[in-house]
Amino acid sequence: MADTTIRVHTDVVLIGAGIMSATLGLILKELQPDIKIEILERLDSAAAESSDAWNNAGTGHSAFCELNYTPESANGSIDPKKAISIAESFEVSRQFWAYLVEQKKISSPENFIKSIPHMSFVWGDKNVEYLKKRFDVLQKNPLFKDMLYSTDFSQLKEWMPLVMEGRKEKEKVAATSMTIGTDVNFGELTRSIFNYLAQLDGVTLRFNHEVKKMKQRADKSWRIKVTNIATGEKIKVYSKFVFIGAGGGSLPLLNKANVPEGDGYGGFPVSGQWLKCTNPEVIAQHEAKVYGKASVGAPPMSVPHIDSRLINGEKQLLFGPFAGFSTRFLKNGKYSDLPLSLKPSNVVPMLSAGIKNIPLTKYLIEQVRQSPKDRMNALREYVPNAKSKDWVLERAGQRVQVIKKDEKEGGVLEFGTEVIATADGTLSVLLGASPGASTAVSIMVDLVGRCFPDKMQTPEWQEKIKTMIPSHGQKLNENPELLEEIRKHTEKVLKL
């Protein structure tokens, strides 16, 4: 019987058509216009999983309002390092997006980004004291100098009328506000980038294509066996470099690659749900992203927030997310994803991390058992006058938290985004969750430096990176004049 397998030779394979692959593909194409790229996506469209607006928190995570990025230590001090790093990264993303708009590679920035105040809101003596300390620490930094703090009831009512309506004036409350926050529709942005990439020479975008096997050959290149799920057609793709950016689906693919760098990695899936407002009058009353404090044991992406969003051109109001547990690694995944991910090399880290995270397990069980009444009670902590008839439950995205081997502890559960690259630089894998999408540009520039080190040091590539990201190589938090100049420029170009 004749072999009908199609064979394709390329420079780069990107697995997963989300914001990460879109960003990396475009950066590489800008740095080396003749590079050949194959993009493989299991679903029938781009950004249909973790990058989709309904599946992604969409805050434009800049650490302005997310309290989990400024943990309080045992001695009561606040560590701002992570918040500063994320805020820096988001400014890098804004510069790259502004470059794409200026170069007419993507159009209509108002379709994917808009201005909206970012607020943190707390109640109770201890939380109010924490928020004040956080404000004092952050506001000293140029990135956060525009932050406002208030405990004044009338001021808070002005900032967020829906949240303050129905509260007693004597209640101890506090809030911070950053008016330069943004709302980002990463699904829209991802699709715009892929629409541009698909028109370029040397770029092939294949939907309905599932990666079945991966093997590194003697010459260090990769052979990837792919099946077209729609037609059954088989393809073998040969590539010098592979990037796996498949959201929750990255871990099974890392296992297929069978590289030593992947040993010990496991994943803990967490599903999510939103309460979505259906009353236009209520939706119109709220124009902010208001984040609170997470419950004890809650994963970082489960920080409750009442969130005004623009999705597919319509203003939406969401509250949540409510966490849940599913053994799927993707919203469109299989229930066998978690059991099949168990390997001899990761069983100990997985069990060890599980034992150490009993509060998280307990929290997830409580979340799964919540009734509609429980969810409405949680909402009323943020919107006291919320009526059940105005809100419906909407399924959100699936996240897989990274579990990795640790010599001292056996295994640790990581919250955040983890990039694995092989020693030879031929394979890179992105694992984890928030604040991923918002920091995609920084992550991908760093990845290019790790996997293409010689080319990255050439004057041509350095000059091009600086054209795309003018602040490259400099810390904006240490350079207030440059920060101001760049913010003004990106604000203008992105119509903020």
Protein backbone atom coordinates (compact mmCIF):
# COMPACT_ATOMS: atom_id res chain seq x y z
CA MET A 1 0.00 0.00 0.00
CA ALA A 2 1.38 3.40 -1.01
CA ASP A 3 2.51 5.75 1.77
CA THR A 4 0.23 8.80 1.48
CA THR A 5 1.87 10.64 4.41
CA ILE A 6 2.68 14.26 3.53
CA ARG A 7 6.20 15.39 4.51
CA VAL A 8 6.91 19.00 5.38
CA HIS A 9 10.28 20.60 6.18
CA THR A 10 10.29 23.87 8.13
CA ASP A 11 12.40 26.04 10.46
CA VAL A 12 9.88 26.48 13.26
CA VAL A 13 6.81 24.59 14.50
CA LEU A 14 4.37 26.33 16.84
CA ILE A 15 1.93 23.96 18.55
CA GLY A 16 -1.25 25.69 19.72
CA ALA A 17 -2.85 28.76 18.09
CA GLY A 18 -3.09 30.95 21.18
CA ILE A 19 -1.60 34.30 22.18
CA MET A 20 1.82 32.76 22.97
CA SER A 21 2.34 31.12 19.56
CA ALA A 22 0.95 34.20 17.79
CA THR A 23 3.40 36.46 19.64
CA LEU A 24 6.41 34.19 19.12
CA GLY A 25 5.58 33.60 15.45
CA LEU A 26 5.32 37.32 14.75
CA ILE A 27 8.51 38.19 16.66
CA LEU A 28 10.48 35.53 14.75
CA LYS A 29 9.04 36.63 11.41
CA GLU A 30 10.01 40.25 12.16
CA LEU A 31 13.53 39.23 13.18
CA GLN A 32 14.03 36.88 10.22
CA PRO A 33 11.53 37.51 7.38
CA ASP A 34 12.58 34.39 5.41
CA ILE A 35 11.96 32.00 8.34
CA LYS A 36 9.50 29.16 7.61
CA ILE A 37 6.83 28.51 10.25
CA GLU A 38 4.22 25.75 10.61
CA ILE A 39 1.41 26.41 13.14
CA LEU A 40 -0.54 23.35 14.33
CA GLU A 41 -3.88 23.70 16.15
CA ARG A 42 -6.14 20.84 17.27
CA LEU A 43 -9.32 22.97 17.19
CA ASP A 44 -10.94 24.54 14.13
CA SER A 45 -10.04 28.17 14.97
CA ALA A 46 -7.40 30.31 16.69
CA ALA A 47 -7.63 31.42 20.33
CA ALA A 48 -10.49 29.04 21.12
CA GLU A 49 -9.06 27.80 24.43
CA SER A 50 -7.10 29.75 27.07
CA SER A 51 -6.78 32.93 24.97
CA ASP A 52 -10.53 33.25 24.31
CA ALA A 53 -12.22 36.21 26.03
CA TRP A 54 -14.69 34.03 27.97
CA ASN A 55 -11.88 31.73 29.13
CA ASN A 56 -9.35 34.43 30.04
CA ALA A 57 -9.55 36.97 32.85
CA GLY A 58 -8.67 39.69 30.30
CA THR A 59 -7.54 42.16 32.89
CA GLY A 60 -4.43 43.19 31.06
CA HIS A 61 -2.68 41.93 34.19
CA SER A 62 -0.43 44.80 35.18
CA ALA A 63 -0.47 44.13 38.95
CA PHE A 64 -2.35 47.39 39.55
CA CYS A 65 -5.19 45.63 41.37
CA GLU A 66 -4.32 41.94 41.81
CA LEU A 67 -3.51 41.54 45.51
CA ASN A 68 -1.99 38.06 45.10
CA TYR A 69 1.04 39.67 43.41
CA THR A 70 1.92 41.53 46.62
CA PRO A 71 2.04 38.90 49.36
CA GLU A 72 2.30 39.87 53.02
CA SER A 73 5.14 38.11 54.85
CA ALA A 74 4.93 36.72 58.38
CA ASN A 75 6.46 39.94 59.77
CA GLY A 76 3.76 42.04 58.06
CA SER A 77 5.95 43.51 55.30
CA ILE A 78 4.77 43.64 51.68
CA ASP A 79 6.97 42.30 48.89
CA PRO A 80 6.44 44.33 45.68
CA LYS A 81 8.93 42.42 43.46
CA LYS A 82 6.41 40.31 41.54
CA ALA A 83 4.03 43.25 41.03
CA ILE A 84 6.87 45.41 39.66
CA SER A 85 8.02 42.62 37.33
CA ILE A 86 4.49 42.06 35.96
CA ALA A 87 3.86 45.80 35.54
CA GLU A 88 7.17 46.09 33.60
CA SER A 89 6.18 43.14 31.40
CA PHE A 90 2.79 44.62 30.60
CA GLU A 91 4.44 47.87 29.46
CA VAL A 92 6.56 45.73 27.10
CA SER A 93 3.38 44.13 25.70
CA ARG A 94 1.85 47.56 25.12
CA GLN A 95 4.93 48.70 23.21
CA PHE A 96 4.84 45.63 20.95
CA TRP A 97 1.10 46.03 20.26
CA ALA A 98 1.61 49.73 19.49
CA TYR A 99 4.37 48.77 17.02
CA LEU A 100 2.00 46.29 15.30
CA VAL A 101 -0.68 48.97 14.98
CA GLU A 102 1.80 51.61 13.70
CA GLN A 103 3.18 49.18 11.11
CA LYS A 104 -0.42 48.31 10.09
CA LYS A 105 0.17 44.63 10.84
CA ILE A 106 -2.99 44.73 12.95
CA SER A 107 -5.69 47.38 12.81
CA SER A 108 -8.35 48.84 15.12
CA PRO A 109 -6.72 48.61 18.56
CA GLU A 110 -10.10 49.54 20.07
CA ASN A 111 -11.24 46.00 19.14
CA PHE A 112 -8.82 44.40 21.59
CA ILE A 113 -7.81 47.00 24.20
CA LYS A 114 -9.59 49.78 26.07
CA SER A 115 -8.98 51.94 29.13
CA ILE A 116 -10.68 51.02 32.38
CA PRO A 117 -9.78 51.78 36.01
CA HIS A 118 -8.16 48.93 37.97
CA MET A 119 -9.22 48.85 41.63
CA SER A 120 -8.55 46.79 44.73
CA PHE A 121 -11.34 46.70 47.31
CA VAL A 122 -11.23 45.28 50.84
CA TRP A 123 -13.21 45.41 54.09
CA GLY A 124 -12.38 44.70 57.74
CA ASP A 125 -9.59 46.17 59.90
CA LYS A 126 -6.88 43.66 58.95
CA ASN A 127 -7.51 43.89 55.19
CA VAL A 128 -7.73 47.69 55.24
CA GLU A 129 -4.38 47.82 57.06
CA TYR A 130 -2.90 45.44 54.45
CA LEU A 131 -4.17 47.53 51.52
CA LYS A 132 -2.70 50.72 53.00
CA LYS A 133 0.68 49.04 53.45
CA ARG A 134 0.51 47.73 49.88
CA PHE A 135 -0.33 51.21 48.58
CA ASP A 136 2.55 52.80 50.54
CA VAL A 137 5.05 50.26 49.16
CA LEU A 138 3.85 50.34 45.52
CA GLN A 139 3.20 54.04 45.09
CA LYS A 140 6.88 54.86 45.68
CA ASN A 141 7.62 53.11 42.38
CA PRO A 142 7.28 55.08 39.11
CA LEU A 143 5.16 52.28 37.58
CA PHE A 144 2.55 52.79 40.32
CA LYS A 145 2.92 56.52 41.07
CA ASP A 146 -0.60 57.31 39.80
CA MET A 147 -2.20 54.94 42.32
CA LEU A 148 -4.84 56.50 44.60
CA TYR A 149 -5.93 55.19 48.01
CA SER A 150 -9.10 56.01 49.92
CA THR A 151 -11.20 54.92 52.88
CA ASP A 152 -13.70 57.71 52.26
CA PHE A 153 -17.16 56.22 51.67
CA SER A 154 -18.31 58.97 49.28
CA GLN A 155 -15.06 58.71 47.26
CA LEU A 156 -15.47 54.94 46.95
CA LYS A 157 -19.10 55.42 45.91
CA GLU A 158 -17.89 57.70 43.12
CA TRP A 159 -15.28 55.14 41.99
CA MET A 160 -17.54 52.08 42.05
CA PRO A 161 -21.24 52.89 42.66
CA LEU A 162 -22.46 49.31 42.10
CA VAL A 163 -20.05 47.92 44.72
CA MET A 164 -20.90 50.57 47.34
CA GLU A 165 -24.67 50.65 46.86
CA GLY A 166 -26.45 49.05 49.83
CA ARG A 167 -23.44 49.24 52.20
CA LYS A 168 -23.52 50.85 55.65
CA GLU A 169 -21.37 53.99 55.87
CA LYS A 170 -19.83 52.84 59.17
CA GLU A 171 -18.42 49.67 57.52
CA LYS A 172 -14.60 49.66 57.46
CA VAL A 173 -13.66 49.64 53.76
CA ALA A 174 -10.75 50.76 51.58
CA ALA A 175 -9.84 50.82 47.91
CA THR A 176 -7.02 51.74 45.56
CA SER A 177 -7.53 52.94 42.00
CA MET A 178 -5.33 53.12 38.91
CA THR A 179 -7.16 54.95 36.13
CA ILE A 180 -4.57 53.89 33.52
CA GLY A 181 -5.65 50.23 33.70
CA THR A 182 -6.85 48.38 30.60
CA ASP A 183 -9.23 45.65 29.50
CA VAL A 184 -7.70 43.32 26.90
CA ASN A 185 -9.55 40.88 24.66
CA PHE A 186 -6.73 38.40 24.00
CA GLY A 187 -8.91 36.30 21.71
CA GLU A 188 -9.43 39.25 19.37
CA LEU A 189 -5.73 40.20 19.51
CA THR A 190 -4.60 36.62 18.82
CA ARG A 191 -6.90 36.26 15.82
CA SER A 192 -5.70 39.61 14.41
CA ILE A 193 -2.06 38.49 14.66
CA PHE A 194 -2.78 35.12 13.01
CA ASN A 195 -4.76 36.82 10.22
CA TYR A 196 -1.64 38.86 9.48
CA LEU A 197 0.78 35.93 9.82
CA ALA A 198 -1.30 33.69 7.53
CA GLN A 199 -0.76 36.17 4.65
CA LEU A 200 3.03 36.01 4.89
CA ASP A 201 5.28 33.82 2.73
CA GLY A 202 6.57 30.78 4.56
CA VAL A 203 3.78 30.65 7.18
CA THR A 204 1.28 27.76 7.18
CA LEU A 205 -1.58 27.66 9.67
CA ARG A 206 -3.19 24.22 10.04
CA PHE A 207 -6.42 23.91 12.03
CA ASN A 208 -7.94 20.53 13.04
CA HIS A 209 -4.39 19.14 13.20
CA GLU A 210 -3.44 17.09 16.26
CA VAL A 211 0.12 16.20 17.25
CA LYS A 212 0.33 12.44 17.85
CA LYS A 213 4.07 11.84 18.31
CA MET A 214 7.30 13.83 18.64
CA LYS A 215 10.84 12.54 18.34
CA GLN A 216 14.20 14.25 18.24
CA ARG A 217 16.44 12.93 15.48
CA ALA A 218 20.22 12.41 15.52
CA ASP A 219 20.84 15.81 13.88
CA LYS A 220 18.86 17.48 16.76
CA SER A 221 15.90 18.35 14.50
CA TRP A 222 12.39 17.17 15.39
CA ARG A 223 10.02 14.83 13.60
CA ILE A 224 6.39 15.48 14.49
CA LYS A 225 3.63 13.09 13.46
CA VAL A 226 0.37 14.97 12.92
CA THR A 227 -3.16 13.87 11.99
CA ASN A 228 -5.77 16.04 10.34
CA ILE A 229 -8.77 15.21 12.56
CA ALA A 230 -11.24 16.37 9.91
CA THR A 231 -9.87 14.25 7.00
CA GLY A 232 -7.67 11.60 8.66
CA GLU A 233 -4.72 12.75 6.51
CA LYS A 234 -1.27 12.09 8.05
CA ILE A 235 1.60 14.59 7.99
CA LYS A 236 5.19 14.32 9.15
CA VAL A 237 6.70 17.71 9.94
CA TYR A 238 10.48 18.06 10.24
CA SER A 239 11.66 21.15 12.09
CA LYS A 240 14.79 22.68 13.61
CA PHE A 241 12.84 24.31 16.46
CA VAL A 242 9.55 23.49 18.21
CA PHE A 243 7.53 25.66 20.59
CA ILE A 244 4.68 24.08 22.57
CA GLY A 245 2.23 26.77 23.64
CA ALA A 246 -0.93 24.71 23.95
CA GLY A 247 -2.23 25.95 27.31
CA GLY A 248 -3.27 23.00 29.48
CA GLY A 249 -2.39 20.70 26.55
CA SER A 250 1.33 21.54 26.83
CA LEU A 251 2.10 18.99 29.55
CA PRO A 252 0.98 15.88 27.57
CA LEU A 253 2.99 17.19 24.59
CA LEU A 254 6.06 17.71 26.80
CA ASN A 255 5.67 14.06 27.86
CA LYS A 256 5.52 13.02 24.18
CA ALA A 257 8.77 14.92 23.49
CA ASN A 258 10.51 12.72 26.09
CA VAL A 259 13.32 15.17 26.95
CA PRO A 260 15.26 15.10 30.27
CA GLU A 261 14.22 18.73 30.96
CA GLY A 262 10.61 17.52 31.22
CA ASP A 263 11.31 14.98 33.97
CA GLY A 264 9.36 15.51 37.16
CA TYR A 265 6.84 17.97 35.72
CA GLY A 266 3.19 17.36 36.47
CA GLY A 267 0.00 19.40 36.29
CA PHE A 268 -2.91 20.14 38.57
CA PRO A 269 -6.04 21.17 36.61
CA VAL A 270 -8.39 23.86 37.94
CA SER A 271 -11.60 24.70 36.09
CA GLY A 272 -13.53 27.95 36.37
CA GLN A 273 -16.98 29.50 36.13
CA TRP A 274 -18.28 33.09 35.98
CA LEU A 275 -21.50 34.66 37.09
CA LYS A 276 -22.51 36.76 34.09
CA CYS A 277 -24.89 39.69 34.41
CA THR A 278 -27.85 39.70 32.00
CA ASN A 279 -29.42 43.03 33.07
CA PRO A 280 -28.21 45.93 30.84
CA GLU A 281 -29.11 48.50 33.52
CA VAL A 282 -26.84 46.81 36.06
CA ILE A 283 -24.05 46.34 33.48
CA ALA A 284 -24.17 50.09 32.70
CA GLN A 285 -23.61 51.00 36.38
CA HIS A 286 -20.13 49.47 36.61
CA GLU A 287 -17.07 50.71 34.74
CA ALA A 288 -14.05 49.19 36.52
CA LYS A 289 -12.17 46.02 37.36
CA VAL A 290 -12.51 45.58 41.10
CA TYR A 291 -10.36 42.85 42.69
CA GLY A 292 -10.65 41.59 46.27
CA LYS A 293 -8.66 39.23 48.46
CA ALA A 294 -8.59 35.52 47.69
CA SER A 295 -9.95 32.99 50.18
CA VAL A 296 -7.42 30.94 52.16
CA GLY A 297 -6.14 28.11 49.97
CA ALA A 298 -7.48 29.63 46.73
CA PRO A 299 -5.25 29.46 43.65
CA PRO A 300 -4.15 32.92 42.40
CA MET A 301 -6.42 32.86 39.35
CA SER A 302 -9.42 32.49 41.68
CA VAL A 303 -9.10 35.97 43.17
CA PRO A 304 -12.69 37.28 43.17
CA HIS A 305 -13.37 40.29 40.98
CA ILE A 306 -16.33 42.20 39.63
CA ASP A 307 -15.21 42.92 36.14
CA SER A 308 -16.46 45.20 33.37
CA ARG A 309 -15.39 43.71 30.04
CA LEU A 310 -15.80 44.40 26.34
CA ILE A 311 -16.34 41.06 24.55
CA ASN A 312 -17.20 40.88 20.84
CA GLY A 313 -18.11 44.58 20.87
CA GLU A 314 -20.56 44.24 23.78
CA LYS A 315 -20.12 45.46 27.33
CA GLN A 316 -20.30 42.55 29.79
CA LEU A 317 -20.21 42.30 33.57
CA LEU A 318 -18.69 39.20 35.17
CA PHE A 319 -18.08 38.07 38.72
CA GLY A 320 -15.82 35.25 39.78
CA PRO A 321 -14.11 33.13 38.87
CA PHE A 322 -15.44 30.22 40.91
CA ALA A 323 -12.89 27.43 40.91
CA GLY A 324 -13.72 23.81 40.28
CA PHE A 325 -11.96 20.55 39.63
CA SER A 326 -11.94 18.53 36.44
CA THR A 327 -9.42 15.96 35.25
CA ARG A 328 -9.41 17.65 31.82
CA PHE A 329 -6.37 19.76 30.95
CA LEU A 330 -8.31 21.85 28.41
CA LYS A 331 -11.92 23.01 28.14
CA ASN A 332 -12.10 20.81 25.03
CA GLY A 333 -9.90 18.14 26.61
CA LYS A 334 -10.55 14.58 27.79
CA TYR A 335 -11.32 13.31 31.30
CA SER A 336 -8.34 10.98 30.91
CA ASP A 337 -5.89 13.95 30.65
CA LEU A 338 -4.84 13.92 34.32
CA PRO A 339 -4.49 10.12 34.78
CA LEU A 340 -2.60 9.80 31.48
CA SER A 341 -0.18 12.57 32.57
CA LEU A 342 1.11 10.44 35.48
CA LYS A 343 4.61 9.10 34.73
CA PRO A 344 7.20 7.36 36.92
CA SER A 345 9.24 10.61 36.92
CA ASN A 346 6.42 12.85 38.21
CA VAL A 347 4.42 10.63 40.60
CA VAL A 348 6.51 11.63 43.65
CA PRO A 349 6.40 15.41 42.89
CA MET A 350 2.63 15.16 42.25
CA LEU A 351 1.91 13.29 45.50
CA SER A 352 4.28 15.49 47.49
CA ALA A 353 2.72 18.71 46.15
CA GLY A 354 -0.75 17.28 46.81
CA ILE A 355 0.04 16.54 50.46
CA LYS A 356 1.48 20.04 50.96
CA ASN A 357 -1.54 21.72 49.37
CA ILE A 358 -4.36 20.26 51.46
CA PRO A 359 -5.91 23.79 51.88
CA LEU A 360 -6.15 24.07 48.07
CA THR A 361 -7.82 20.65 47.82
CA LYS A 362 -10.24 21.61 50.59
CA TYR A 363 -10.97 24.93 48.86
CA LEU A 364 -11.68 23.22 45.52
CA ILE A 365 -14.02 20.68 47.17
CA GLU A 366 -15.92 23.56 48.80
CA GLN A 367 -16.12 25.37 45.45
CA VAL A 368 -17.40 22.28 43.61
CA ARG A 369 -20.10 21.79 46.26
CA GLN A 370 -21.35 25.39 46.03
CA SER A 371 -25.04 25.89 45.37
CA PRO A 372 -26.46 28.79 43.31
CA LYS A 373 -27.31 30.44 46.64
CA ASP A 374 -23.67 30.15 47.82
CA ARG A 375 -22.44 31.79 44.62
CA MET A 376 -24.96 34.64 44.95
CA ASN A 377 -23.83 35.16 48.57
CA ALA A 378 -20.23 35.45 47.34
CA LEU A 379 -21.33 37.98 44.69
CA ARG A 380 -23.24 40.03 47.28
CA GLU A 381 -20.02 40.60 49.20
CA TYR A 382 -19.01 42.73 46.18
CA VAL A 383 -22.44 43.79 44.87
CA PRO A 384 -24.70 43.94 47.98
CA ASN A 385 -27.91 44.56 45.99
CA ALA A 386 -27.34 41.82 43.38
CA LYS A 387 -30.52 39.98 42.37
CA SER A 388 -30.41 36.29 41.37
CA LYS A 389 -32.60 36.88 38.30
CA ASP A 390 -29.93 39.21 36.81
CA TRP A 391 -27.10 36.65 36.82
CA VAL A 392 -26.42 33.36 35.02
CA LEU A 393 -23.59 30.84 35.40
CA GLU A 394 -21.11 30.74 32.50
CA ARG A 395 -18.34 28.16 32.04
CA ALA A 396 -14.87 29.72 32.02
CA GLY A 397 -11.49 28.33 30.97
CA GLN A 398 -9.43 25.43 32.23
CA ARG A 399 -6.03 26.07 33.84
CA VAL A 400 -3.28 23.61 34.68
CA GLN A 401 -1.00 24.67 37.53
CA VAL A 402 2.58 23.44 37.24
CA ILE A 403 3.94 20.83 39.65
CA LYS A 404 7.68 20.36 39.50
CA LYS A 405 10.34 18.28 41.17
CA ASP A 406 12.05 19.86 44.17
CA GLU A 407 15.10 18.26 45.82
CA LYS A 408 14.19 19.46 49.32
CA GLU A 409 10.42 19.09 49.24
CA GLY A 410 9.87 16.33 46.67
CA GLY A 411 7.48 18.44 44.63
CA VAL A 412 6.10 21.99 44.61
CA LEU A 413 2.96 23.49 43.11
CA GLU A 414 3.87 26.60 41.09
CA PHE A 415 1.41 29.41 40.49
CA GLY A 416 2.31 31.40 37.41
CA THR A 417 3.94 30.77 34.06
CA GLU A 418 6.91 28.44 33.56
CA VAL A 419 9.06 28.21 30.42
CA ILE A 420 11.10 25.06 29.85
CA ALA A 421 13.81 25.04 27.16
CA THR A 422 16.04 22.10 26.24
CA ALA A 423 19.80 22.52 26.65
CA ASP A 424 20.28 22.46 22.86
CA GLY A 425 17.63 25.19 22.39
CA THR A 426 15.59 23.13 19.88
CA LEU A 427 12.44 22.77 22.02
CA SER A 428 10.64 25.16 24.33
CA VAL A 429 7.46 24.53 26.30
CA LEU A 430 5.22 26.99 28.12
CA LEU A 431 3.35 25.67 31.14
CA GLY A 432 1.12 27.31 33.75
CA ALA A 433 -1.43 30.09 33.89
CA SER A 434 -1.90 33.70 34.95
CA PRO A 435 -0.48 36.28 34.22
CA GLY A 436 0.65 34.52 31.01
CA ALA A 437 -1.24 36.34 28.25
CA SER A 438 -0.51 39.84 29.57
CA THR A 439 3.20 39.13 29.82
CA ALA A 440 3.41 37.11 26.57
CA VAL A 441 5.74 39.55 24.80
CA SER A 442 8.36 39.58 27.58
CA ILE A 443 8.15 35.79 27.91
CA MET A 444 8.62 35.28 24.17
CA VAL A 445 11.50 37.79 23.84
CA ASP A 446 13.24 35.99 26.70
CA LEU A 447 12.53 32.62 25.01
CA VAL A 448 14.06 33.84 21.72
CA GLY A 449 17.18 34.87 23.68
CA ARG A 450 17.42 31.40 25.26
CA CYS A 451 16.73 29.35 22.12
CA PHE A 452 18.41 31.54 19.46
CA PRO A 453 21.26 33.00 21.57
CA ASP A 454 23.78 33.63 18.76
CA LYS A 455 21.29 35.32 16.45
CA MET A 456 19.81 37.32 19.32
CA GLN A 457 23.22 38.93 19.96
CA THR A 458 23.66 40.11 16.36
CA PRO A 459 23.33 43.88 15.79
CA GLU A 460 20.50 43.24 13.28
CA TRP A 461 18.30 41.34 15.73
CA GLN A 462 19.10 43.72 18.61
CA GLU A 463 18.20 46.72 16.49
CA LYS A 464 14.94 45.11 15.35
CA ILE A 465 13.94 44.17 18.92
CA LYS A 466 14.52 47.79 19.98
CA THR A 467 12.36 49.00 17.09
CA MET A 468 9.53 46.74 18.28
CA ILE A 469 10.13 47.37 22.00
CA PRO A 470 11.91 50.74 22.51
CA SER A 471 12.60 50.07 26.21
CA HIS A 472 14.31 46.70 25.53
CA GLY A 473 17.28 46.22 27.87
CA GLN A 474 16.14 48.94 30.28
CA LYS A 475 14.02 48.84 33.45
CA LEU A 476 11.17 51.34 33.15
CA ASN A 477 10.69 51.40 36.92
CA GLU A 478 14.25 52.75 37.19
CA ASN A 479 13.79 55.26 34.37
CA PRO A 480 10.71 57.45 35.06
CA GLU A 481 11.28 59.79 32.09
CA LEU A 482 11.40 56.88 29.62
CA LEU A 483 8.36 55.29 31.28
CA GLU A 484 6.36 58.52 30.89
CA GLU A 485 7.42 58.91 27.25
CA ILE A 486 6.55 55.30 26.39
CA ARG A 487 3.20 55.36 28.21
CA LYS A 488 2.19 58.54 26.36
CA HIS A 489 3.18 57.01 23.02
CA THR A 490 1.41 53.65 23.51
CA GLU A 491 -1.63 55.43 24.92
CA LYS A 492 -1.92 57.50 21.75
CA VAL A 493 -1.30 54.65 19.29
CA LEU A 494 -3.61 52.20 21.10
CA LYS A 495 -6.30 54.90 21.46
CA LEU A 496 -6.42 54.63 25.26
